[in-house]
Amino acid sequence: MKRSLALLFYYVIGWRLPTQPMPGWRLGYWLRRRLLSMICRGIGRDVIVKQWAYIGNGDGLRVGDRSQIGHNSRIDKDVAIGADVMMGPDVVIMTGGHAFNDLSTPMISQPAVARRPVTIEDDVWIGTRVIILPGVRVGRGSIIGAGSVVTKDVPPSAIVGGSPAKLIRYRSDNSTAEGLAP
């Protein structure tokens, strides 16, 4: 019952409250963090949840210390977000999908496929309008460029971008994946 009330309060009031630098942003951050701590599997210290972040019913969502859920983001069930993760606006993280293999049945009538959890490790930067598809693991210290569609695992410390996302270079390397200077 407490969780259901927290969900209701989050979607009716909490997600509408302002984000920095608008007046009242501290209240918005505090209230959203407090509500998500009652809704989700685990919310770390100093988590920032921006305005209009959609988390469904919060099943299986874990967010580590000092991480941010971006403005207008949409996060599916069974997502683990590590500590110190930065997320731009309009990020979509999906763990579910729909069957489409039976050509004799309209796709809308085919069942959902099994969920595949998404894991985002610590110290990751996810750019604006990134889409992360089911089953992906984003490695520690990696960067996903704005507008990317991540269809497979991202190695630690990698910088990826594009649709589908491809390795551009590693953060510790001054060259691109093709060996050219940036």
N, C-alpha and C. Protein backbone atom coordinates (compact mmCIF):
# COMPACT_ATOMS: atom_id res chain seq x y z
N MET A 1 0.82 -1.20 0.00
CA MET A 1 0.00 0.00 0.00
C MET A 1 0.86 1.27 0.00
N LYS A 2 1.91 1.27 0.84
CA LYS A 2 2.81 2.41 0.92
C LYS A 2 3.48 2.66 -0.43
N ARG A 3 3.91 1.57 -1.09
CA ARG A 3 4.55 1.68 -2.39
C ARG A 3 3.58 2.22 -3.44
N SER A 4 2.34 1.75 -3.41
CA SER A 4 1.32 2.22 -4.37
C SER A 4 1.04 3.70 -4.18
N LEU A 5 0.96 4.14 -2.95
CA LEU A 5 0.74 5.58 -2.68
C LEU A 5 1.93 6.40 -3.14
N ALA A 6 3.14 5.89 -2.92
CA ALA A 6 4.34 6.60 -3.36
C ALA A 6 4.35 6.72 -4.88
N LEU A 7 3.97 5.65 -5.58
CA LEU A 7 3.89 5.69 -7.05
C LEU A 7 2.88 6.73 -7.52
N LEU A 8 1.72 6.71 -6.91
CA LEU A 8 0.68 7.68 -7.26
C LEU A 8 1.18 9.11 -7.02
N PHE A 9 1.76 9.34 -5.88
CA PHE A 9 2.26 10.67 -5.54
C PHE A 9 3.39 11.09 -6.49
N TYR A 10 4.25 10.14 -6.86
CA TYR A 10 5.34 10.46 -7.80
C TYR A 10 4.79 10.95 -9.13
N TYR A 11 3.82 10.19 -9.71
CA TYR A 11 3.32 10.54 -11.03
C TYR A 11 2.31 11.69 -11.04
N VAL A 12 1.63 11.94 -9.94
CA VAL A 12 0.67 13.04 -9.89
C VAL A 12 1.37 14.36 -9.55
N ILE A 13 2.32 14.31 -8.62
CA ILE A 13 2.96 15.54 -8.16
C ILE A 13 4.47 15.55 -8.36
N GLY A 14 5.15 14.51 -7.88
CA GLY A 14 6.61 14.50 -7.81
C GLY A 14 7.33 14.74 -9.12
N TRP A 15 6.91 14.09 -10.18
CA TRP A 15 7.68 14.22 -11.41
C TRP A 15 7.47 15.56 -12.11
N ARG A 16 6.48 16.33 -11.65
CA ARG A 16 6.20 17.65 -12.23
C ARG A 16 7.02 18.76 -11.59
N LEU A 17 7.53 18.53 -10.40
CA LEU A 17 8.25 19.58 -9.67
C LEU A 17 9.50 20.00 -10.44
N PRO A 18 9.96 21.23 -10.24
CA PRO A 18 11.03 21.79 -11.07
C PRO A 18 12.38 21.11 -10.90
N THR A 19 13.22 21.39 -11.89
CA THR A 19 14.60 20.94 -11.95
C THR A 19 15.47 22.20 -11.95
N GLN A 20 16.67 22.05 -11.46
CA GLN A 20 17.61 23.17 -11.42
C GLN A 20 17.72 23.81 -12.79
N PRO A 21 17.70 25.11 -12.95
CA PRO A 21 17.83 26.18 -11.97
C PRO A 21 16.50 26.84 -11.58
N MET A 22 15.39 26.20 -11.86
CA MET A 22 14.09 26.79 -11.55
C MET A 22 13.87 26.86 -10.04
N PRO A 23 13.14 27.89 -9.56
CA PRO A 23 12.84 27.97 -8.12
C PRO A 23 12.11 26.71 -7.66
N GLY A 24 12.50 26.20 -6.52
CA GLY A 24 11.90 24.99 -5.97
C GLY A 24 12.59 23.71 -6.38
N TRP A 25 13.71 23.81 -7.09
CA TRP A 25 14.39 22.61 -7.59
C TRP A 25 14.89 21.71 -6.47
N ARG A 26 15.33 22.29 -5.36
CA ARG A 26 15.81 21.46 -4.24
C ARG A 26 14.69 20.57 -3.70
N LEU A 27 13.49 21.15 -3.58
CA LEU A 27 12.34 20.37 -3.13
C LEU A 27 12.03 19.26 -4.13
N GLY A 28 12.07 19.58 -5.42
CA GLY A 28 11.81 18.58 -6.46
C GLY A 28 12.79 17.42 -6.38
N TYR A 29 14.08 17.72 -6.27
CA TYR A 29 15.09 16.66 -6.18
C TYR A 29 14.88 15.81 -4.93
N TRP A 30 14.66 16.49 -3.80
CA TRP A 30 14.48 15.77 -2.54
C TRP A 30 13.26 14.86 -2.59
N LEU A 31 12.13 15.39 -3.07
CA LEU A 31 10.89 14.62 -3.08
C LEU A 31 10.98 13.43 -4.04
N ARG A 32 11.51 13.64 -5.22
CA ARG A 32 11.62 12.53 -6.17
C ARG A 32 12.55 11.43 -5.63
N ARG A 33 13.66 11.83 -5.03
CA ARG A 33 14.57 10.84 -4.44
C ARG A 33 13.87 10.07 -3.33
N ARG A 34 13.15 10.77 -2.48
CA ARG A 34 12.43 10.14 -1.36
C ARG A 34 11.37 9.17 -1.86
N LEU A 35 10.60 9.59 -2.85
CA LEU A 35 9.56 8.72 -3.39
C LEU A 35 10.16 7.49 -4.07
N LEU A 36 11.22 7.68 -4.85
CA LEU A 36 11.84 6.52 -5.50
C LEU A 36 12.44 5.56 -4.49
N SER A 37 12.89 6.06 -3.35
CA SER A 37 13.41 5.14 -2.33
C SER A 37 12.31 4.24 -1.78
N MET A 38 11.04 4.65 -1.88
CA MET A 38 9.92 3.83 -1.44
C MET A 38 9.39 2.93 -2.57
N ILE A 39 9.72 3.28 -3.82
CA ILE A 39 9.18 2.58 -4.98
C ILE A 39 10.14 1.52 -5.52
N CYS A 40 11.40 1.87 -5.62
CA CYS A 40 12.38 1.04 -6.34
C CYS A 40 13.10 0.06 -5.43
N ARG A 41 13.86 -0.83 -6.03
CA ARG A 41 14.62 -1.84 -5.30
C ARG A 41 15.71 -1.20 -4.46
N GLY A 42 16.34 -0.14 -4.96
CA GLY A 42 17.40 0.53 -4.20
C GLY A 42 17.76 1.86 -4.82
N ILE A 43 17.80 2.89 -4.00
CA ILE A 43 18.21 4.22 -4.44
C ILE A 43 19.33 4.68 -3.52
N GLY A 44 20.48 5.01 -4.10
CA GLY A 44 21.65 5.42 -3.32
C GLY A 44 21.54 6.84 -2.78
N ARG A 45 22.61 7.25 -2.11
CA ARG A 45 22.69 8.60 -1.55
C ARG A 45 22.88 9.63 -2.66
N ASP A 46 22.27 10.79 -2.46
CA ASP A 46 22.46 11.95 -3.35
C ASP A 46 22.11 11.68 -4.81
N VAL A 47 21.16 10.79 -5.05
CA VAL A 47 20.67 10.53 -6.41
C VAL A 47 19.83 11.73 -6.84
N ILE A 48 19.97 12.12 -8.10
CA ILE A 48 19.16 13.20 -8.67
C ILE A 48 18.25 12.59 -9.73
N VAL A 49 16.96 12.83 -9.57
CA VAL A 49 15.97 12.39 -10.54
C VAL A 49 15.36 13.65 -11.13
N LYS A 50 15.58 13.86 -12.41
CA LYS A 50 15.11 15.07 -13.05
C LYS A 50 13.61 14.98 -13.38
N GLN A 51 13.06 16.12 -13.73
CA GLN A 51 11.63 16.26 -14.03
C GLN A 51 11.20 15.32 -15.15
N TRP A 52 10.00 14.75 -15.03
CA TRP A 52 9.33 13.92 -16.02
C TRP A 52 10.03 12.58 -16.25
N ALA A 53 10.91 12.13 -15.36
CA ALA A 53 11.55 10.82 -15.52
C ALA A 53 10.52 9.73 -15.27
N TYR A 54 10.32 8.87 -16.26
CA TYR A 54 9.33 7.78 -16.18
C TYR A 54 10.06 6.49 -15.80
N ILE A 55 9.60 5.85 -14.73
CA ILE A 55 10.25 4.62 -14.26
C ILE A 55 9.25 3.47 -14.17
N GLY A 56 8.14 3.56 -14.87
CA GLY A 56 7.11 2.52 -14.80
C GLY A 56 6.65 2.36 -13.37
N ASN A 57 6.62 1.12 -12.88
CA ASN A 57 6.25 0.92 -11.47
C ASN A 57 7.49 0.71 -10.60
N GLY A 58 8.68 0.91 -11.17
CA GLY A 58 9.92 0.84 -10.41
C GLY A 58 10.44 -0.55 -10.13
N ASP A 59 9.77 -1.59 -10.65
CA ASP A 59 10.20 -2.96 -10.39
C ASP A 59 11.64 -3.19 -10.84
N GLY A 60 12.46 -3.63 -9.92
CA GLY A 60 13.83 -4.01 -10.25
C GLY A 60 14.77 -2.87 -10.55
N LEU A 61 14.36 -1.62 -10.35
CA LEU A 61 15.25 -0.49 -10.62
C LEU A 61 16.14 -0.24 -9.42
N ARG A 62 17.45 -0.21 -9.68
CA ARG A 62 18.44 0.14 -8.66
C ARG A 62 19.31 1.26 -9.21
N VAL A 63 19.56 2.28 -8.37
CA VAL A 63 20.37 3.42 -8.78
C VAL A 63 21.42 3.66 -7.69
N GLY A 64 22.69 3.74 -8.09
CA GLY A 64 23.79 3.91 -7.15
C GLY A 64 23.97 5.36 -6.70
N ASP A 65 24.82 5.53 -5.71
CA ASP A 65 25.09 6.84 -5.11
C ASP A 65 25.50 7.87 -6.17
N ARG A 66 24.99 9.08 -6.00
CA ARG A 66 25.35 10.27 -6.79
C ARG A 66 25.04 10.15 -8.28
N SER A 67 24.19 9.23 -8.67
CA SER A 67 23.82 9.10 -10.08
C SER A 67 22.63 9.99 -10.39
N GLN A 68 22.45 10.27 -11.68
CA GLN A 68 21.36 11.13 -12.13
C GLN A 68 20.52 10.41 -13.18
N ILE A 69 19.22 10.53 -13.03
CA ILE A 69 18.29 10.05 -14.05
C ILE A 69 17.83 11.30 -14.79
N GLY A 70 18.06 11.33 -16.09
CA GLY A 70 17.85 12.53 -16.89
C GLY A 70 16.41 12.94 -17.08
N HIS A 71 16.25 14.22 -17.39
CA HIS A 71 14.95 14.83 -17.68
C HIS A 71 14.25 14.05 -18.79
N ASN A 72 12.99 13.70 -18.55
CA ASN A 72 12.14 13.04 -19.55
C ASN A 72 12.67 11.66 -19.97
N SER A 73 13.47 11.03 -19.12
CA SER A 73 13.98 9.69 -19.43
C SER A 73 12.88 8.66 -19.24
N ARG A 74 13.09 7.50 -19.85
CA ARG A 74 12.13 6.40 -19.74
C ARG A 74 12.92 5.14 -19.44
N ILE A 75 12.75 4.62 -18.23
CA ILE A 75 13.53 3.46 -17.78
C ILE A 75 12.59 2.31 -17.48
N ASP A 76 12.86 1.18 -18.12
CA ASP A 76 12.04 -0.02 -17.99
C ASP A 76 12.35 -0.77 -16.70
N LYS A 77 11.70 -1.90 -16.48
CA LYS A 77 11.95 -2.77 -15.32
C LYS A 77 13.34 -3.38 -15.40
N ASP A 78 13.82 -3.85 -14.25
CA ASP A 78 15.06 -4.63 -14.18
C ASP A 78 16.27 -3.91 -14.75
N VAL A 79 16.49 -2.69 -14.29
CA VAL A 79 17.66 -1.91 -14.70
C VAL A 79 18.49 -1.61 -13.47
N ALA A 80 19.79 -1.87 -13.56
CA ALA A 80 20.72 -1.54 -12.48
C ALA A 80 21.64 -0.44 -12.97
N ILE A 81 21.61 0.69 -12.29
CA ILE A 81 22.45 1.84 -12.63
C ILE A 81 23.44 2.01 -11.50
N GLY A 82 24.72 2.02 -11.82
CA GLY A 82 25.78 2.11 -10.81
C GLY A 82 25.89 3.49 -10.20
N ALA A 83 26.99 3.71 -9.49
CA ALA A 83 27.26 4.99 -8.84
C ALA A 83 27.88 5.97 -9.83
N ASP A 84 27.65 7.26 -9.60
CA ASP A 84 28.27 8.35 -10.36
C ASP A 84 27.96 8.29 -11.86
N VAL A 85 26.75 7.90 -12.21
CA VAL A 85 26.32 7.84 -13.60
C VAL A 85 25.63 9.15 -13.96
N MET A 86 26.05 9.77 -15.07
CA MET A 86 25.40 10.98 -15.59
C MET A 86 24.53 10.57 -16.77
N MET A 87 23.32 11.10 -16.80
CA MET A 87 22.38 10.74 -17.87
C MET A 87 21.76 12.02 -18.42
N GLY A 88 21.87 12.21 -19.72
CA GLY A 88 21.25 13.36 -20.36
C GLY A 88 19.75 13.18 -20.47
N PRO A 89 19.07 14.18 -21.03
CA PRO A 89 17.62 14.09 -21.18
C PRO A 89 17.20 13.09 -22.26
N ASP A 90 15.97 12.62 -22.14
CA ASP A 90 15.32 11.79 -23.15
C ASP A 90 15.99 10.43 -23.38
N VAL A 91 16.68 9.89 -22.40
CA VAL A 91 17.31 8.58 -22.51
C VAL A 91 16.23 7.51 -22.35
N VAL A 92 16.31 6.45 -23.17
CA VAL A 92 15.38 5.32 -23.08
C VAL A 92 16.20 4.07 -22.81
N ILE A 93 15.84 3.35 -21.74
CA ILE A 93 16.50 2.09 -21.40
C ILE A 93 15.41 1.01 -21.40
N MET A 94 15.55 0.05 -22.33
CA MET A 94 14.52 -0.98 -22.52
C MET A 94 15.02 -2.34 -22.05
N THR A 95 14.14 -3.11 -21.42
CA THR A 95 14.49 -4.48 -21.04
C THR A 95 13.52 -5.49 -21.64
N GLY A 96 12.46 -5.03 -22.25
CA GLY A 96 11.45 -5.92 -22.82
C GLY A 96 11.34 -5.73 -24.32
N GLY A 97 10.61 -6.61 -24.94
CA GLY A 97 10.40 -6.53 -26.38
C GLY A 97 9.18 -7.33 -26.78
N HIS A 98 9.01 -7.50 -28.08
CA HIS A 98 7.83 -8.16 -28.61
C HIS A 98 8.25 -9.17 -29.66
N ALA A 99 7.60 -10.32 -29.64
CA ALA A 99 7.86 -11.35 -30.65
C ALA A 99 7.35 -10.87 -32.01
N PHE A 100 7.99 -11.39 -33.08
CA PHE A 100 7.58 -11.00 -34.44
C PHE A 100 7.82 -12.11 -35.45
N ASN A 101 8.22 -13.29 -34.99
CA ASN A 101 8.63 -14.37 -35.89
C ASN A 101 7.50 -15.09 -36.62
N ASP A 102 6.30 -15.11 -36.07
CA ASP A 102 5.18 -15.83 -36.67
C ASP A 102 4.52 -14.94 -37.73
N LEU A 103 4.83 -15.21 -39.00
CA LEU A 103 4.31 -14.39 -40.09
C LEU A 103 2.81 -14.53 -40.29
N SER A 104 2.20 -15.58 -39.74
CA SER A 104 0.76 -15.78 -39.90
C SER A 104 -0.05 -15.03 -38.83
N THR A 105 0.62 -14.46 -37.86
CA THR A 105 -0.05 -13.73 -36.78
C THR A 105 0.43 -12.28 -36.79
N PRO A 106 -0.49 -11.32 -36.75
CA PRO A 106 -0.05 -9.92 -36.70
C PRO A 106 0.88 -9.71 -35.49
N MET A 107 1.88 -8.90 -35.67
CA MET A 107 2.86 -8.66 -34.60
C MET A 107 2.20 -8.18 -33.32
N ILE A 108 1.16 -7.38 -33.44
CA ILE A 108 0.48 -6.87 -32.25
C ILE A 108 -0.17 -7.99 -31.43
N SER A 109 -0.45 -9.12 -32.08
CA SER A 109 -1.08 -10.26 -31.39
C SER A 109 -0.06 -11.27 -30.87
N GLN A 110 1.21 -11.06 -31.17
CA GLN A 110 2.25 -11.97 -30.69
C GLN A 110 2.67 -11.59 -29.27
N PRO A 111 3.16 -12.56 -28.51
CA PRO A 111 3.47 -12.29 -27.10
C PRO A 111 4.74 -11.46 -26.90
N ALA A 112 4.86 -10.93 -25.69
CA ALA A 112 6.09 -10.27 -25.30
C ALA A 112 7.18 -11.32 -25.14
N VAL A 113 8.41 -10.94 -25.40
CA VAL A 113 9.54 -11.85 -25.20
C VAL A 113 10.05 -11.68 -23.78
N ALA A 114 10.85 -12.63 -23.32
CA ALA A 114 11.39 -12.57 -21.96
C ALA A 114 12.22 -11.31 -21.76
N ARG A 115 12.07 -10.69 -20.61
CA ARG A 115 12.85 -9.50 -20.29
C ARG A 115 14.32 -9.85 -20.16
N ARG A 116 15.16 -8.92 -20.59
CA ARG A 116 16.61 -9.06 -20.45
C ARG A 116 17.12 -7.82 -19.72
N PRO A 117 17.57 -7.99 -18.48
CA PRO A 117 17.99 -6.85 -17.67
C PRO A 117 19.12 -6.05 -18.32
N VAL A 118 19.19 -4.78 -17.97
CA VAL A 118 20.26 -3.88 -18.41
C VAL A 118 21.07 -3.49 -17.19
N THR A 119 22.40 -3.48 -17.35
CA THR A 119 23.29 -3.05 -16.27
C THR A 119 24.16 -1.91 -16.78
N ILE A 120 24.16 -0.83 -16.03
CA ILE A 120 25.04 0.30 -16.32
C ILE A 120 25.98 0.40 -15.12
N GLU A 121 27.26 0.16 -15.37
CA GLU A 121 28.23 0.14 -14.29
C GLU A 121 28.56 1.57 -13.84
N ASP A 122 29.45 1.71 -12.87
CA ASP A 122 29.80 3.00 -12.27
C ASP A 122 30.50 3.93 -13.25
N ASP A 123 30.37 5.24 -12.98
CA ASP A 123 31.10 6.30 -13.68
C ASP A 123 30.87 6.28 -15.19
N VAL A 124 29.61 6.24 -15.59
CA VAL A 124 29.24 6.22 -17.01
C VAL A 124 28.54 7.52 -17.35
N TRP A 125 28.79 8.02 -18.55
CA TRP A 125 28.12 9.22 -19.06
C TRP A 125 27.28 8.80 -20.25
N ILE A 126 25.96 8.99 -20.13
CA ILE A 126 25.01 8.64 -21.19
C ILE A 126 24.47 9.94 -21.77
N GLY A 127 24.73 10.18 -23.04
CA GLY A 127 24.33 11.43 -23.68
C GLY A 127 22.84 11.53 -23.94
N THR A 128 22.44 12.70 -24.40
CA THR A 128 21.05 13.01 -24.71
C THR A 128 20.49 12.06 -25.77
N ARG A 129 19.26 11.61 -25.55
CA ARG A 129 18.49 10.78 -26.48
C ARG A 129 19.17 9.46 -26.87
N VAL A 130 19.89 8.89 -25.94
CA VAL A 130 20.47 7.56 -26.15
C VAL A 130 19.38 6.53 -25.92
N ILE A 131 19.40 5.45 -26.71
CA ILE A 131 18.51 4.32 -26.51
C ILE A 131 19.39 3.11 -26.21
N ILE A 132 19.11 2.45 -25.07
CA ILE A 132 19.84 1.24 -24.69
C ILE A 132 18.86 0.08 -24.76
N LEU A 133 19.17 -0.92 -25.58
CA LEU A 133 18.27 -2.04 -25.82
C LEU A 133 18.45 -3.15 -24.79
N PRO A 134 17.49 -4.09 -24.72
CA PRO A 134 17.51 -5.14 -23.70
C PRO A 134 18.80 -5.96 -23.68
N GLY A 135 19.21 -6.34 -22.46
CA GLY A 135 20.33 -7.24 -22.26
C GLY A 135 21.71 -6.60 -22.32
N VAL A 136 21.79 -5.29 -22.49
CA VAL A 136 23.08 -4.62 -22.65
C VAL A 136 23.74 -4.37 -21.28
N ARG A 137 25.06 -4.50 -21.25
CA ARG A 137 25.87 -4.11 -20.10
C ARG A 137 26.78 -2.98 -20.57
N VAL A 138 26.71 -1.85 -19.87
CA VAL A 138 27.55 -0.70 -20.19
C VAL A 138 28.68 -0.69 -19.17
N GLY A 139 29.91 -0.85 -19.64
CA GLY A 139 31.07 -0.99 -18.77
C GLY A 139 31.46 0.27 -18.02
N ARG A 140 32.12 0.07 -16.92
CA ARG A 140 32.58 1.13 -16.03
C ARG A 140 33.40 2.18 -16.80
N GLY A 141 33.11 3.45 -16.52
CA GLY A 141 33.89 4.54 -17.08
C GLY A 141 33.67 4.82 -18.55
N SER A 142 32.62 4.27 -19.14
CA SER A 142 32.39 4.48 -20.57
C SER A 142 31.52 5.70 -20.83
N ILE A 143 31.52 6.13 -22.09
CA ILE A 143 30.75 7.29 -22.54
C ILE A 143 29.95 6.86 -23.76
N ILE A 144 28.65 7.20 -23.76
CA ILE A 144 27.79 6.90 -24.91
C ILE A 144 27.36 8.24 -25.50
N GLY A 145 27.75 8.48 -26.74
CA GLY A 145 27.46 9.74 -27.41
C GLY A 145 25.98 9.96 -27.64
N ALA A 146 25.59 11.23 -27.67
CA ALA A 146 24.21 11.63 -27.86
C ALA A 146 23.61 11.00 -29.10
N GLY A 147 22.35 10.56 -28.99
CA GLY A 147 21.62 10.00 -30.12
C GLY A 147 21.99 8.58 -30.49
N SER A 148 22.82 7.93 -29.71
CA SER A 148 23.27 6.57 -30.03
C SER A 148 22.20 5.54 -29.71
N VAL A 149 22.24 4.43 -30.43
CA VAL A 149 21.39 3.27 -30.14
C VAL A 149 22.34 2.14 -29.77
N VAL A 150 22.30 1.74 -28.49
CA VAL A 150 23.24 0.74 -27.97
C VAL A 150 22.57 -0.63 -28.07
N THR A 151 23.10 -1.47 -28.95
CA THR A 151 22.51 -2.78 -29.21
C THR A 151 23.31 -3.93 -28.61
N LYS A 152 24.55 -3.64 -28.19
CA LYS A 152 25.40 -4.68 -27.60
C LYS A 152 26.24 -4.09 -26.49
N ASP A 153 26.88 -4.95 -25.71
CA ASP A 153 27.66 -4.51 -24.56
C ASP A 153 28.72 -3.48 -24.93
N VAL A 154 28.96 -2.56 -24.00
CA VAL A 154 29.97 -1.51 -24.16
C VAL A 154 31.11 -1.85 -23.21
N PRO A 155 32.35 -1.96 -23.72
CA PRO A 155 33.47 -2.30 -22.84
C PRO A 155 33.79 -1.16 -21.87
N PRO A 156 34.45 -1.48 -20.76
CA PRO A 156 34.85 -0.44 -19.81
C PRO A 156 35.74 0.62 -20.49
N SER A 157 35.54 1.87 -20.09
CA SER A 157 36.33 3.02 -20.56
C SER A 157 36.21 3.30 -22.05
N ALA A 158 35.20 2.73 -22.70
CA ALA A 158 35.01 2.94 -24.14
C ALA A 158 34.18 4.19 -24.39
N ILE A 159 34.43 4.82 -25.52
CA ILE A 159 33.57 5.90 -26.01
C ILE A 159 32.91 5.34 -27.26
N VAL A 160 31.57 5.27 -27.23
CA VAL A 160 30.82 4.71 -28.35
C VAL A 160 29.82 5.75 -28.86
N GLY A 161 29.43 5.61 -30.11
CA GLY A 161 28.43 6.51 -30.67
C GLY A 161 27.87 5.96 -31.96
N GLY A 162 26.72 6.49 -32.36
CA GLY A 162 26.10 6.12 -33.62
C GLY A 162 24.91 5.20 -33.45
N SER A 163 24.36 4.80 -34.60
CA SER A 163 23.20 3.93 -34.61
C SER A 163 23.41 2.85 -35.66
N PRO A 164 23.75 1.64 -35.27
CA PRO A 164 24.00 1.20 -33.91
C PRO A 164 25.33 1.76 -33.39
N ALA A 165 25.43 1.85 -32.06
CA ALA A 165 26.63 2.40 -31.44
C ALA A 165 27.85 1.54 -31.76
N LYS A 166 28.94 2.21 -32.11
CA LYS A 166 30.21 1.53 -32.42
C LYS A 166 31.32 2.19 -31.60
N LEU A 167 32.35 1.43 -31.36
CA LEU A 167 33.50 1.94 -30.62
C LEU A 167 34.17 3.07 -31.40
N ILE A 168 34.35 4.20 -30.74
CA ILE A 168 35.07 5.33 -31.34
C ILE A 168 36.52 5.29 -30.86
N ARG A 169 36.69 5.16 -29.56
CA ARG A 169 38.02 5.01 -28.97
C ARG A 169 37.85 4.69 -27.49
N TYR A 170 38.96 4.48 -26.82
CA TYR A 170 38.95 4.30 -25.37
C TYR A 170 39.38 5.60 -24.72
N ARG A 171 38.87 5.88 -23.53
CA ARG A 171 39.17 7.14 -22.85
C ARG A 171 40.66 7.32 -22.60
N SER A 172 41.38 6.25 -22.38
CA SER A 172 42.80 6.34 -22.08
C SER A 172 43.67 6.47 -23.33
N ASP A 173 43.06 6.38 -24.49
CA ASP A 173 43.76 6.39 -25.76
C ASP A 173 43.51 7.71 -26.47
N ASN A 174 44.52 8.30 -27.05
CA ASN A 174 44.35 9.57 -27.77
C ASN A 174 44.04 9.37 -29.23
N SER A 175 43.82 8.13 -29.65
CA SER A 175 43.47 7.88 -31.04
C SER A 175 42.05 7.31 -31.11
N THR A 176 41.49 7.28 -32.29
CA THR A 176 40.16 6.69 -32.48
C THR A 176 40.30 5.19 -32.62
N ALA A 177 39.20 4.50 -32.72
CA ALA A 177 39.21 3.05 -32.88
C ALA A 177 39.95 2.66 -34.16
N GLU A 178 39.96 3.52 -35.16
CA GLU A 178 40.62 3.23 -36.43
C GLU A 178 42.10 3.64 -36.40
N GLY A 179 42.56 4.14 -35.24
CA GLY A 179 43.97 4.51 -35.13
C GLY A 179 44.28 5.93 -35.56
N LEU A 180 43.26 6.74 -35.85
CA LEU A 180 43.46 8.12 -36.25
C LEU A 180 43.33 9.05 -35.07
N ALA A 181 44.01 10.16 -35.10
CA ALA A 181 43.90 11.15 -34.02
C ALA A 181 42.49 11.73 -34.02
N PRO A 182 41.96 12.06 -32.83
CA PRO A 182 40.60 12.60 -32.76
C PRO A 182 40.47 13.96 -33.43
